[in-house]
Amino acid sequence: MTVRAVELLVKDYTERAGIANADRITPHKLRGTYGTQLYEQPGDIKLVASTLHHKSIETTSKHYVKDSEEQHDQVVKYSSRMFKE
């Protein structure tokens, strides 16, 4: 299956599902979301690197762990604002 064929499948499925802004959902973004969520569950960077077929754990860490930690920091930041007296 070609890259273009996968792109068209994702486009078709998101449009059929009635997802708003379906054009913003790409195979690359789905892969990124999967990698980040996989890391967040067991927290095993080697598992994520292996699953995504990365030759280097540094690549995995750069793209998935950083995002996850940034998201965590944002949640903490906004949560603390919500619960301030």
N, C-alpha and C. Protein backbone atom coordinates (compact mmCIF):
# COMPACT_ATOMS: atom_id res chain seq x y z
N MET A 1 0.84 -1.17 0.00
CA MET A 1 0.00 0.00 0.00
C MET A 1 0.90 1.24 0.00
N THR A 2 0.54 2.18 -0.82
CA THR A 2 1.35 3.40 -0.92
C THR A 2 0.98 4.40 0.18
N VAL A 3 1.86 5.37 0.37
CA VAL A 3 1.60 6.43 1.34
C VAL A 3 0.32 7.17 0.95
N ARG A 4 0.19 7.46 -0.31
CA ARG A 4 -1.00 8.19 -0.79
C ARG A 4 -2.28 7.40 -0.54
N ALA A 5 -2.23 6.10 -0.71
CA ALA A 5 -3.41 5.26 -0.46
C ALA A 5 -3.83 5.34 1.01
N VAL A 6 -2.86 5.34 1.91
CA VAL A 6 -3.16 5.46 3.35
C VAL A 6 -3.76 6.83 3.64
N GLU A 7 -3.19 7.87 3.04
CA GLU A 7 -3.73 9.23 3.24
C GLU A 7 -5.19 9.30 2.79
N LEU A 8 -5.49 8.70 1.65
CA LEU A 8 -6.86 8.72 1.14
C LEU A 8 -7.80 7.92 2.03
N LEU A 9 -7.33 6.81 2.58
CA LEU A 9 -8.15 6.02 3.50
C LEU A 9 -8.49 6.82 4.76
N VAL A 10 -7.49 7.47 5.32
CA VAL A 10 -7.72 8.28 6.52
C VAL A 10 -8.71 9.40 6.21
N LYS A 11 -8.53 10.04 5.09
CA LYS A 11 -9.44 11.13 4.69
C LYS A 11 -10.86 10.60 4.54
N ASP A 12 -11.01 9.48 3.87
CA ASP A 12 -12.33 8.88 3.65
C ASP A 12 -13.00 8.52 4.97
N TYR A 13 -12.26 7.86 5.86
CA TYR A 13 -12.84 7.43 7.14
C TYR A 13 -13.21 8.61 8.03
N THR A 14 -12.38 9.63 8.07
CA THR A 14 -12.70 10.79 8.92
C THR A 14 -13.91 11.55 8.38
N GLU A 15 -14.01 11.65 7.07
CA GLU A 15 -15.16 12.32 6.49
C GLU A 15 -16.44 11.52 6.72
N ARG A 16 -16.37 10.20 6.55
CA ARG A 16 -17.54 9.35 6.80
C ARG A 16 -17.99 9.43 8.25
N ALA A 17 -17.03 9.56 9.15
CA ALA A 17 -17.34 9.63 10.58
C ALA A 17 -17.89 11.00 10.97
N GLY A 18 -17.84 11.94 10.05
CA GLY A 18 -18.36 13.27 10.33
C GLY A 18 -17.49 14.07 11.29
N ILE A 19 -16.20 13.79 11.28
CA ILE A 19 -15.28 14.48 12.17
C ILE A 19 -15.03 15.89 11.66
N ALA A 20 -15.21 16.86 12.56
CA ALA A 20 -14.94 18.25 12.20
C ALA A 20 -13.46 18.41 11.89
N ASN A 21 -13.15 19.23 10.93
CA ASN A 21 -11.76 19.48 10.51
C ASN A 21 -11.05 18.18 10.12
N ALA A 22 -11.75 17.33 9.43
CA ALA A 22 -11.20 16.03 9.03
C ALA A 22 -9.92 16.19 8.22
N ASP A 23 -9.79 17.30 7.52
CA ASP A 23 -8.60 17.52 6.70
C ASP A 23 -7.34 17.71 7.55
N ARG A 24 -7.50 17.96 8.84
CA ARG A 24 -6.35 18.15 9.73
C ARG A 24 -5.84 16.83 10.31
N ILE A 25 -6.59 15.76 10.09
CA ILE A 25 -6.18 14.45 10.60
C ILE A 25 -5.41 13.74 9.49
N THR A 26 -4.16 13.41 9.78
CA THR A 26 -3.30 12.76 8.80
C THR A 26 -2.72 11.48 9.40
N PRO A 27 -2.24 10.58 8.56
CA PRO A 27 -1.59 9.38 9.09
C PRO A 27 -0.43 9.73 10.03
N HIS A 28 0.30 10.77 9.70
CA HIS A 28 1.43 11.16 10.54
C HIS A 28 0.97 11.61 11.93
N LYS A 29 -0.11 12.38 11.98
CA LYS A 29 -0.65 12.82 13.27
C LYS A 29 -1.21 11.64 14.06
N LEU A 30 -1.84 10.70 13.37
CA LEU A 30 -2.35 9.51 14.06
C LEU A 30 -1.19 8.70 14.65
N ARG A 31 -0.12 8.59 13.91
CA ARG A 31 1.07 7.88 14.40
C ARG A 31 1.64 8.60 15.63
N GLY A 32 1.68 9.93 15.57
CA GLY A 32 2.19 10.69 16.70
C GLY A 32 1.33 10.54 17.94
N THR A 33 0.02 10.57 17.75
CA THR A 33 -0.90 10.38 18.87
C THR A 33 -0.74 8.99 19.46
N TYR A 34 -0.63 8.00 18.60
CA TYR A 34 -0.44 6.63 19.07
C TYR A 34 0.86 6.50 19.87
N GLY A 35 1.93 7.06 19.36
CA GLY A 35 3.22 6.98 20.05
C GLY A 35 3.18 7.66 21.41
N THR A 36 2.56 8.83 21.47
CA THR A 36 2.47 9.57 22.73
C THR A 36 1.62 8.80 23.74
N GLN A 37 0.48 8.29 23.30
CA GLN A 37 -0.39 7.55 24.22
C GLN A 37 0.25 6.24 24.67
N LEU A 38 0.96 5.60 23.77
CA LEU A 38 1.65 4.37 24.14
C LEU A 38 2.71 4.66 25.19
N TYR A 39 3.41 5.77 25.04
CA TYR A 39 4.42 6.13 26.04
C TYR A 39 3.77 6.46 27.38
N GLU A 40 2.65 7.16 27.35
CA GLU A 40 2.00 7.59 28.59
C GLU A 40 1.48 6.41 29.41
N GLN A 41 1.11 5.32 28.78
CA GLN A 41 0.55 4.20 29.53
C GLN A 41 1.62 3.46 30.33
N PRO A 42 2.53 2.73 29.67
CA PRO A 42 3.53 2.04 30.49
C PRO A 42 4.75 2.89 30.79
N GLY A 43 4.95 3.97 30.03
CA GLY A 43 6.12 4.82 30.23
C GLY A 43 7.41 4.16 29.78
N ASP A 44 7.30 3.23 28.86
CA ASP A 44 8.47 2.47 28.40
C ASP A 44 8.91 2.98 27.03
N ILE A 45 9.94 3.80 27.02
CA ILE A 45 10.40 4.42 25.78
C ILE A 45 10.93 3.37 24.80
N LYS A 46 11.52 2.30 25.31
CA LYS A 46 12.03 1.24 24.42
C LYS A 46 10.88 0.54 23.70
N LEU A 47 9.78 0.34 24.39
CA LEU A 47 8.61 -0.27 23.76
C LEU A 47 8.09 0.61 22.63
N VAL A 48 8.01 1.90 22.88
CA VAL A 48 7.52 2.82 21.85
C VAL A 48 8.47 2.84 20.66
N ALA A 49 9.76 2.93 20.92
CA ALA A 49 10.75 2.96 19.84
C ALA A 49 10.66 1.69 18.99
N SER A 50 10.53 0.56 19.65
CA SER A 50 10.43 -0.71 18.94
C SER A 50 9.15 -0.78 18.11
N THR A 51 8.05 -0.38 18.71
CA THR A 51 6.75 -0.44 18.03
C THR A 51 6.72 0.46 16.80
N LEU A 52 7.34 1.64 16.91
CA LEU A 52 7.34 2.59 15.80
C LEU A 52 8.52 2.38 14.85
N HIS A 53 9.30 1.34 15.11
CA HIS A 53 10.45 0.99 14.27
C HIS A 53 11.49 2.10 14.17
N HIS A 54 11.73 2.78 15.29
CA HIS A 54 12.79 3.78 15.33
C HIS A 54 14.11 3.09 15.61
N LYS A 55 15.13 3.48 14.88
CA LYS A 55 16.47 2.91 15.11
C LYS A 55 17.10 3.50 16.36
N SER A 56 16.67 4.70 16.73
CA SER A 56 17.27 5.40 17.85
C SER A 56 16.20 5.80 18.87
N ILE A 57 16.47 5.52 20.14
CA ILE A 57 15.55 5.94 21.19
C ILE A 57 15.50 7.46 21.27
N GLU A 58 16.58 8.12 20.88
CA GLU A 58 16.60 9.58 20.89
C GLU A 58 15.52 10.16 19.97
N THR A 59 15.31 9.52 18.84
CA THR A 59 14.25 9.96 17.92
C THR A 59 12.90 9.86 18.60
N THR A 60 12.65 8.74 19.24
CA THR A 60 11.39 8.53 19.94
C THR A 60 11.22 9.55 21.05
N SER A 61 12.25 9.73 21.83
CA SER A 61 12.20 10.66 22.95
C SER A 61 11.92 12.09 22.47
N LYS A 62 12.57 12.47 21.40
CA LYS A 62 12.43 13.83 20.88
C LYS A 62 10.99 14.12 20.45
N HIS A 63 10.34 13.14 19.83
CA HIS A 63 9.03 13.39 19.25
C HIS A 63 7.85 13.03 20.14
N TYR A 64 8.04 12.12 21.07
CA TYR A 64 6.89 11.63 21.84
C TYR A 64 6.96 11.93 23.32
N VAL A 65 8.11 11.74 23.93
CA VAL A 65 8.23 11.98 25.37
C VAL A 65 8.12 13.46 25.68
N LYS A 66 8.76 14.29 24.90
CA LYS A 66 8.73 15.73 25.13
C LYS A 66 7.29 16.24 25.07
N ASP A 67 6.56 15.83 24.05
CA ASP A 67 5.17 16.26 23.93
C ASP A 67 4.38 15.84 25.16
N SER A 68 4.59 14.62 25.59
CA SER A 68 3.86 14.09 26.73
C SER A 68 4.16 14.90 27.98
N GLU A 69 5.43 15.21 28.23
CA GLU A 69 5.81 15.98 29.41
C GLU A 69 5.27 17.40 29.33
N GLU A 70 5.28 17.99 28.14
CA GLU A 70 4.73 19.33 27.97
C GLU A 70 3.24 19.34 28.26
N GLN A 71 2.54 18.32 27.79
CA GLN A 71 1.11 18.24 28.04
C GLN A 71 0.85 18.10 29.54
N HIS A 72 1.64 17.29 30.21
CA HIS A 72 1.50 17.12 31.65
C HIS A 72 1.71 18.45 32.36
N ASP A 73 2.75 19.16 31.98
CA ASP A 73 3.04 20.46 32.60
C ASP A 73 1.89 21.45 32.40
N GLN A 74 1.30 21.41 31.21
CA GLN A 74 0.18 22.31 30.94
C GLN A 74 -1.03 21.96 31.81
N VAL A 75 -1.29 20.68 31.97
CA VAL A 75 -2.41 20.25 32.81
C VAL A 75 -2.19 20.73 34.24
N VAL A 76 -0.99 20.54 34.76
CA VAL A 76 -0.68 20.97 36.13
C VAL A 76 -0.85 22.48 36.25
N LYS A 77 -0.35 23.20 35.27
CA LYS A 77 -0.43 24.67 35.29
C LYS A 77 -1.89 25.15 35.32
N TYR A 78 -2.70 24.62 34.43
CA TYR A 78 -4.08 25.07 34.35
C TYR A 78 -4.92 24.55 35.51
N SER A 79 -4.63 23.37 35.99
CA SER A 79 -5.35 22.83 37.14
C SER A 79 -5.10 23.67 38.37
N SER A 80 -3.86 24.08 38.57
CA SER A 80 -3.55 24.89 39.75
C SER A 80 -4.27 26.24 39.68
N ARG A 81 -4.44 26.77 38.50
CA ARG A 81 -5.19 28.03 38.35
C ARG A 81 -6.67 27.84 38.69
N MET A 82 -7.20 26.70 38.28
CA MET A 82 -8.62 26.43 38.51
C MET A 82 -8.94 26.31 39.99
N PHE A 83 -8.01 25.77 40.76
CA PHE A 83 -8.29 25.49 42.16
C PHE A 83 -7.70 26.52 43.11
N LYS A 84 -7.24 27.64 42.58
CA LYS A 84 -6.76 28.73 43.44
C LYS A 84 -7.94 29.34 44.17
N GLU A 85 -7.68 29.78 45.36
CA GLU A 85 -8.75 30.41 46.13
C GLU A 85 -8.89 31.86 45.73
